[in-house]
Amino acid sequence: MDSAVKQRIDSLLSSSPIVVFMKGSKLMPQCGFSNNVVQILNSLGLPFETFDVLSDPEVRQGIKEYSEWPTIPQVYVNGEFIGGSDILIEMYNSGELRETLSVALAS
């Protein structure tokens, strides 16, 4: 991955404790998986930022290399990759997501 793209991703990850790389925005998700993630995070009432990978092909490809995860959306908490839509749904349903996010945001 190009070092400039890596720096941009690092900068985006440091902009907020919870960052979602997704298709579209939190106000207008452009795919069902991205919408699932937005709805889960909204239901928890936690602030989060999003980055629309459709607006930037370099970041779209770069984030997949950064996380070694092939799909979008991708959720990061304090710069650490948590997972995509399926993982967030599982964590939400088990109660693990609320606990993980509460601990991360408290630190």
N, C-alpha and C. Protein backbone atom coordinates (compact mmCIF):
# COMPACT_ATOMS: atom_id res chain seq x y z
N MET A 1 0.85 -1.18 0.00
CA MET A 1 0.00 0.00 0.00
C MET A 1 0.90 1.24 0.00
N ASP A 2 0.48 2.23 -0.75
CA ASP A 2 1.18 3.50 -0.84
C ASP A 2 1.23 4.16 0.54
N SER A 3 2.38 4.73 0.90
CA SER A 3 2.52 5.33 2.24
C SER A 3 1.59 6.53 2.43
N ALA A 4 1.28 7.25 1.36
CA ALA A 4 0.36 8.38 1.48
C ALA A 4 -1.05 7.90 1.82
N VAL A 5 -1.46 6.78 1.22
CA VAL A 5 -2.78 6.22 1.53
C VAL A 5 -2.82 5.72 2.97
N LYS A 6 -1.74 5.06 3.39
CA LYS A 6 -1.67 4.59 4.79
C LYS A 6 -1.77 5.77 5.76
N GLN A 7 -1.08 6.86 5.46
CA GLN A 7 -1.14 8.04 6.33
C GLN A 7 -2.56 8.62 6.37
N ARG A 8 -3.25 8.63 5.23
CA ARG A 8 -4.63 9.13 5.20
C ARG A 8 -5.53 8.25 6.05
N ILE A 9 -5.36 6.93 5.95
CA ILE A 9 -6.16 6.01 6.76
C ILE A 9 -5.86 6.21 8.24
N ASP A 10 -4.58 6.31 8.59
CA ASP A 10 -4.21 6.56 9.99
C ASP A 10 -4.85 7.85 10.50
N SER A 11 -4.84 8.88 9.67
CA SER A 11 -5.43 10.16 10.04
C SER A 11 -6.94 10.03 10.24
N LEU A 12 -7.60 9.31 9.34
CA LEU A 12 -9.05 9.10 9.49
C LEU A 12 -9.35 8.33 10.76
N LEU A 13 -8.54 7.32 11.07
CA LEU A 13 -8.78 6.51 12.27
C LEU A 13 -8.56 7.31 13.55
N SER A 14 -7.69 8.30 13.50
CA SER A 14 -7.44 9.09 14.70
C SER A 14 -8.46 10.23 14.87
N SER A 15 -9.35 10.39 13.89
CA SER A 15 -10.31 11.50 13.94
C SER A 15 -11.46 11.27 14.90
N SER A 16 -11.69 10.02 15.30
CA SER A 16 -12.82 9.70 16.17
C SER A 16 -12.57 8.34 16.81
N PRO A 17 -13.09 8.10 18.02
CA PRO A 17 -12.92 6.78 18.65
C PRO A 17 -13.56 5.65 17.84
N ILE A 18 -14.69 5.93 17.17
CA ILE A 18 -15.35 4.92 16.35
C ILE A 18 -15.41 5.45 14.91
N VAL A 19 -14.80 4.70 14.00
CA VAL A 19 -14.78 5.09 12.59
C VAL A 19 -15.27 3.90 11.77
N VAL A 20 -16.18 4.19 10.85
CA VAL A 20 -16.71 3.16 9.95
C VAL A 20 -16.35 3.53 8.51
N PHE A 21 -15.64 2.62 7.85
CA PHE A 21 -15.39 2.76 6.42
C PHE A 21 -16.52 2.01 5.74
N MET A 22 -17.31 2.73 4.96
CA MET A 22 -18.55 2.16 4.43
C MET A 22 -18.87 2.73 3.06
N LYS A 23 -19.88 2.15 2.44
CA LYS A 23 -20.40 2.68 1.18
C LYS A 23 -21.51 3.66 1.53
N GLY A 24 -21.27 4.93 1.24
CA GLY A 24 -22.21 5.98 1.59
C GLY A 24 -21.82 6.63 2.90
N SER A 25 -22.80 7.30 3.52
CA SER A 25 -22.58 7.98 4.79
C SER A 25 -23.57 7.48 5.82
N LYS A 26 -23.39 7.91 7.07
CA LYS A 26 -24.33 7.46 8.09
C LYS A 26 -25.73 8.02 7.85
N LEU A 27 -25.82 9.13 7.12
CA LEU A 27 -27.14 9.67 6.80
C LEU A 27 -27.74 9.01 5.57
N MET A 28 -26.89 8.45 4.70
CA MET A 28 -27.39 7.80 3.49
C MET A 28 -26.48 6.61 3.11
N PRO A 29 -26.62 5.50 3.83
CA PRO A 29 -25.84 4.32 3.46
C PRO A 29 -26.20 3.85 2.05
N GLN A 30 -25.19 3.36 1.32
CA GLN A 30 -25.39 2.96 -0.06
C GLN A 30 -25.43 1.45 -0.26
N CYS A 31 -25.42 0.68 0.83
CA CYS A 31 -25.60 -0.76 0.72
C CYS A 31 -26.20 -1.28 2.02
N GLY A 32 -26.80 -2.43 1.95
CA GLY A 32 -27.48 -3.01 3.11
C GLY A 32 -26.54 -3.31 4.26
N PHE A 33 -25.34 -3.78 3.96
CA PHE A 33 -24.39 -4.10 5.03
C PHE A 33 -23.96 -2.84 5.77
N SER A 34 -23.70 -1.78 5.02
CA SER A 34 -23.34 -0.51 5.64
C SER A 34 -24.51 0.02 6.47
N ASN A 35 -25.72 -0.12 5.96
CA ASN A 35 -26.90 0.31 6.70
C ASN A 35 -27.04 -0.47 8.01
N ASN A 36 -26.77 -1.78 7.99
CA ASN A 36 -26.83 -2.58 9.22
C ASN A 36 -25.91 -2.01 10.29
N VAL A 37 -24.69 -1.69 9.90
CA VAL A 37 -23.71 -1.17 10.86
C VAL A 37 -24.18 0.18 11.42
N VAL A 38 -24.66 1.05 10.56
CA VAL A 38 -25.15 2.37 11.00
C VAL A 38 -26.31 2.20 11.98
N GLN A 39 -27.25 1.33 11.67
CA GLN A 39 -28.41 1.11 12.54
C GLN A 39 -27.99 0.56 13.90
N ILE A 40 -27.05 -0.36 13.92
CA ILE A 40 -26.56 -0.91 15.18
C ILE A 40 -25.91 0.18 16.02
N LEU A 41 -25.00 0.94 15.43
CA LEU A 41 -24.31 1.98 16.19
C LEU A 41 -25.28 3.08 16.63
N ASN A 42 -26.24 3.43 15.78
CA ASN A 42 -27.24 4.42 16.18
C ASN A 42 -28.07 3.92 17.35
N SER A 43 -28.40 2.63 17.35
CA SER A 43 -29.23 2.07 18.43
C SER A 43 -28.50 2.11 19.77
N LEU A 44 -27.17 2.08 19.72
CA LEU A 44 -26.39 2.16 20.95
C LEU A 44 -26.20 3.60 21.42
N GLY A 45 -26.55 4.55 20.57
CA GLY A 45 -26.47 5.96 20.94
C GLY A 45 -25.05 6.48 21.09
N LEU A 46 -24.13 5.86 20.38
CA LEU A 46 -22.73 6.28 20.49
C LEU A 46 -22.33 7.12 19.28
N PRO A 47 -21.52 8.15 19.51
CA PRO A 47 -21.06 8.96 18.38
C PRO A 47 -20.05 8.18 17.54
N PHE A 48 -20.14 8.33 16.23
CA PHE A 48 -19.19 7.68 15.35
C PHE A 48 -19.07 8.49 14.07
N GLU A 49 -17.95 8.30 13.39
CA GLU A 49 -17.71 8.96 12.12
C GLU A 49 -17.68 7.91 11.03
N THR A 50 -18.00 8.35 9.81
CA THR A 50 -17.97 7.44 8.68
C THR A 50 -17.10 8.02 7.58
N PHE A 51 -16.58 7.13 6.75
CA PHE A 51 -15.87 7.55 5.55
C PHE A 51 -16.46 6.77 4.39
N ASP A 52 -16.86 7.49 3.35
CA ASP A 52 -17.47 6.89 2.17
C ASP A 52 -16.38 6.39 1.23
N VAL A 53 -16.18 5.08 1.18
CA VAL A 53 -15.14 4.51 0.32
C VAL A 53 -15.47 4.67 -1.16
N LEU A 54 -16.74 4.91 -1.49
CA LEU A 54 -17.11 5.12 -2.89
C LEU A 54 -16.54 6.42 -3.42
N SER A 55 -16.23 7.35 -2.51
CA SER A 55 -15.70 8.65 -2.92
C SER A 55 -14.19 8.63 -3.15
N ASP A 56 -13.53 7.52 -2.78
CA ASP A 56 -12.07 7.49 -2.86
C ASP A 56 -11.58 6.05 -3.11
N PRO A 57 -11.33 5.71 -4.37
CA PRO A 57 -10.90 4.34 -4.71
C PRO A 57 -9.60 3.91 -4.02
N GLU A 58 -8.69 4.86 -3.78
CA GLU A 58 -7.43 4.50 -3.12
C GLU A 58 -7.68 4.06 -1.68
N VAL A 59 -8.52 4.78 -0.96
CA VAL A 59 -8.84 4.39 0.42
C VAL A 59 -9.68 3.12 0.41
N ARG A 60 -10.57 2.99 -0.57
CA ARG A 60 -11.41 1.79 -0.66
C ARG A 60 -10.55 0.53 -0.75
N GLN A 61 -9.52 0.56 -1.60
CA GLN A 61 -8.62 -0.59 -1.71
C GLN A 61 -7.66 -0.64 -0.52
N GLY A 62 -7.17 0.53 -0.12
CA GLY A 62 -6.18 0.59 0.95
C GLY A 62 -6.69 0.07 2.28
N ILE A 63 -7.95 0.33 2.60
CA ILE A 63 -8.47 -0.11 3.90
C ILE A 63 -8.56 -1.63 3.95
N LYS A 64 -8.79 -2.26 2.81
CA LYS A 64 -8.83 -3.72 2.75
C LYS A 64 -7.44 -4.31 3.03
N GLU A 65 -6.42 -3.66 2.52
CA GLU A 65 -5.04 -4.10 2.78
C GLU A 65 -4.66 -3.78 4.23
N TYR A 66 -5.08 -2.62 4.72
CA TYR A 66 -4.76 -2.17 6.06
C TYR A 66 -5.23 -3.17 7.10
N SER A 67 -6.46 -3.66 6.93
CA SER A 67 -7.07 -4.56 7.90
C SER A 67 -6.87 -6.03 7.56
N GLU A 68 -6.42 -6.29 6.32
CA GLU A 68 -6.37 -7.65 5.80
C GLU A 68 -7.76 -8.29 5.86
N TRP A 69 -8.78 -7.48 5.56
CA TRP A 69 -10.17 -7.91 5.54
C TRP A 69 -10.73 -7.50 4.19
N PRO A 70 -11.33 -8.41 3.43
CA PRO A 70 -11.66 -8.12 2.03
C PRO A 70 -12.95 -7.33 1.77
N THR A 71 -13.76 -7.10 2.78
CA THR A 71 -15.06 -6.50 2.51
C THR A 71 -15.27 -5.18 3.25
N ILE A 72 -16.25 -4.44 2.76
CA ILE A 72 -16.69 -3.18 3.33
C ILE A 72 -18.14 -3.41 3.77
N PRO A 73 -18.61 -2.91 4.88
CA PRO A 73 -18.00 -1.93 5.79
C PRO A 73 -16.97 -2.55 6.73
N GLN A 74 -16.16 -1.65 7.30
CA GLN A 74 -15.20 -2.02 8.31
C GLN A 74 -15.33 -1.05 9.47
N VAL A 75 -15.39 -1.60 10.68
CA VAL A 75 -15.57 -0.79 11.89
C VAL A 75 -14.28 -0.82 12.70
N TYR A 76 -13.84 0.36 13.09
CA TYR A 76 -12.63 0.51 13.91
C TYR A 76 -12.99 1.22 15.20
N VAL A 77 -12.42 0.74 16.30
CA VAL A 77 -12.60 1.38 17.61
C VAL A 77 -11.21 1.68 18.15
N ASN A 78 -10.97 2.96 18.43
CA ASN A 78 -9.65 3.42 18.87
C ASN A 78 -8.55 2.91 17.93
N GLY A 79 -8.82 2.95 16.63
CA GLY A 79 -7.84 2.56 15.64
C GLY A 79 -7.71 1.07 15.42
N GLU A 80 -8.44 0.26 16.17
CA GLU A 80 -8.34 -1.20 16.05
C GLU A 80 -9.53 -1.74 15.26
N PHE A 81 -9.24 -2.59 14.29
CA PHE A 81 -10.28 -3.19 13.47
C PHE A 81 -11.11 -4.15 14.32
N ILE A 82 -12.43 -3.94 14.32
CA ILE A 82 -13.35 -4.79 15.09
C ILE A 82 -14.00 -5.82 14.18
N GLY A 83 -14.44 -5.40 13.00
CA GLY A 83 -15.06 -6.33 12.08
C GLY A 83 -15.97 -5.62 11.10
N GLY A 84 -16.70 -6.44 10.35
CA GLY A 84 -17.66 -5.93 9.38
C GLY A 84 -19.07 -6.12 9.86
N SER A 85 -20.00 -6.10 8.95
CA SER A 85 -21.42 -6.16 9.27
C SER A 85 -21.80 -7.43 10.05
N ASP A 86 -21.40 -8.59 9.55
CA ASP A 86 -21.77 -9.85 10.20
C ASP A 86 -21.23 -9.94 11.63
N ILE A 87 -19.98 -9.54 11.80
CA ILE A 87 -19.36 -9.59 13.13
C ILE A 87 -20.05 -8.62 14.07
N LEU A 88 -20.37 -7.41 13.58
CA LEU A 88 -21.06 -6.44 14.43
C LEU A 88 -22.44 -6.95 14.84
N ILE A 89 -23.15 -7.58 13.92
CA ILE A 89 -24.47 -8.14 14.25
C ILE A 89 -24.33 -9.19 15.35
N GLU A 90 -23.36 -10.10 15.20
CA GLU A 90 -23.14 -11.13 16.23
C GLU A 90 -22.80 -10.51 17.57
N MET A 91 -21.88 -9.54 17.56
CA MET A 91 -21.47 -8.89 18.81
C MET A 91 -22.63 -8.14 19.44
N TYR A 92 -23.45 -7.49 18.62
CA TYR A 92 -24.61 -6.75 19.11
C TYR A 92 -25.61 -7.70 19.77
N ASN A 93 -25.92 -8.79 19.07
CA ASN A 93 -26.90 -9.74 19.58
C ASN A 93 -26.45 -10.42 20.88
N SER A 94 -25.15 -10.60 21.05
CA SER A 94 -24.64 -11.25 22.27
C SER A 94 -24.44 -10.26 23.41
N GLY A 95 -24.51 -8.94 23.11
CA GLY A 95 -24.25 -7.92 24.13
C GLY A 95 -22.79 -7.54 24.21
N GLU A 96 -21.95 -8.26 23.50
CA GLU A 96 -20.51 -8.00 23.54
C GLU A 96 -20.15 -6.65 22.95
N LEU A 97 -20.89 -6.19 21.93
CA LEU A 97 -20.55 -4.94 21.27
C LEU A 97 -20.69 -3.75 22.23
N ARG A 98 -21.80 -3.68 22.95
CA ARG A 98 -22.01 -2.57 23.89
C ARG A 98 -20.88 -2.55 24.92
N GLU A 99 -20.52 -3.72 25.43
CA GLU A 99 -19.46 -3.82 26.43
C GLU A 99 -18.11 -3.39 25.84
N THR A 100 -17.79 -3.90 24.65
CA THR A 100 -16.52 -3.55 24.00
C THR A 100 -16.42 -2.06 23.75
N LEU A 101 -17.48 -1.47 23.24
CA LEU A 101 -17.47 -0.04 22.93
C LEU A 101 -17.43 0.81 24.19
N SER A 102 -18.16 0.40 25.22
CA SER A 102 -18.15 1.16 26.47
C SER A 102 -16.76 1.19 27.09
N VAL A 103 -16.10 0.04 27.10
CA VAL A 103 -14.74 -0.05 27.64
C VAL A 103 -13.79 0.81 26.81
N ALA A 104 -13.88 0.69 25.49
CA ALA A 104 -12.98 1.43 24.59
C ALA A 104 -13.16 2.93 24.73
N LEU A 105 -14.42 3.37 24.84
CA LEU A 105 -14.68 4.81 24.91
C LEU A 105 -14.34 5.38 26.29
N ALA A 106 -14.31 4.53 27.30
CA ALA A 106 -13.98 5.00 28.66
C ALA A 106 -12.48 5.22 28.81
N SER A 107 -11.69 4.55 27.98
CA SER A 107 -10.22 4.65 28.13
C SER A 107 -9.65 5.84 27.41
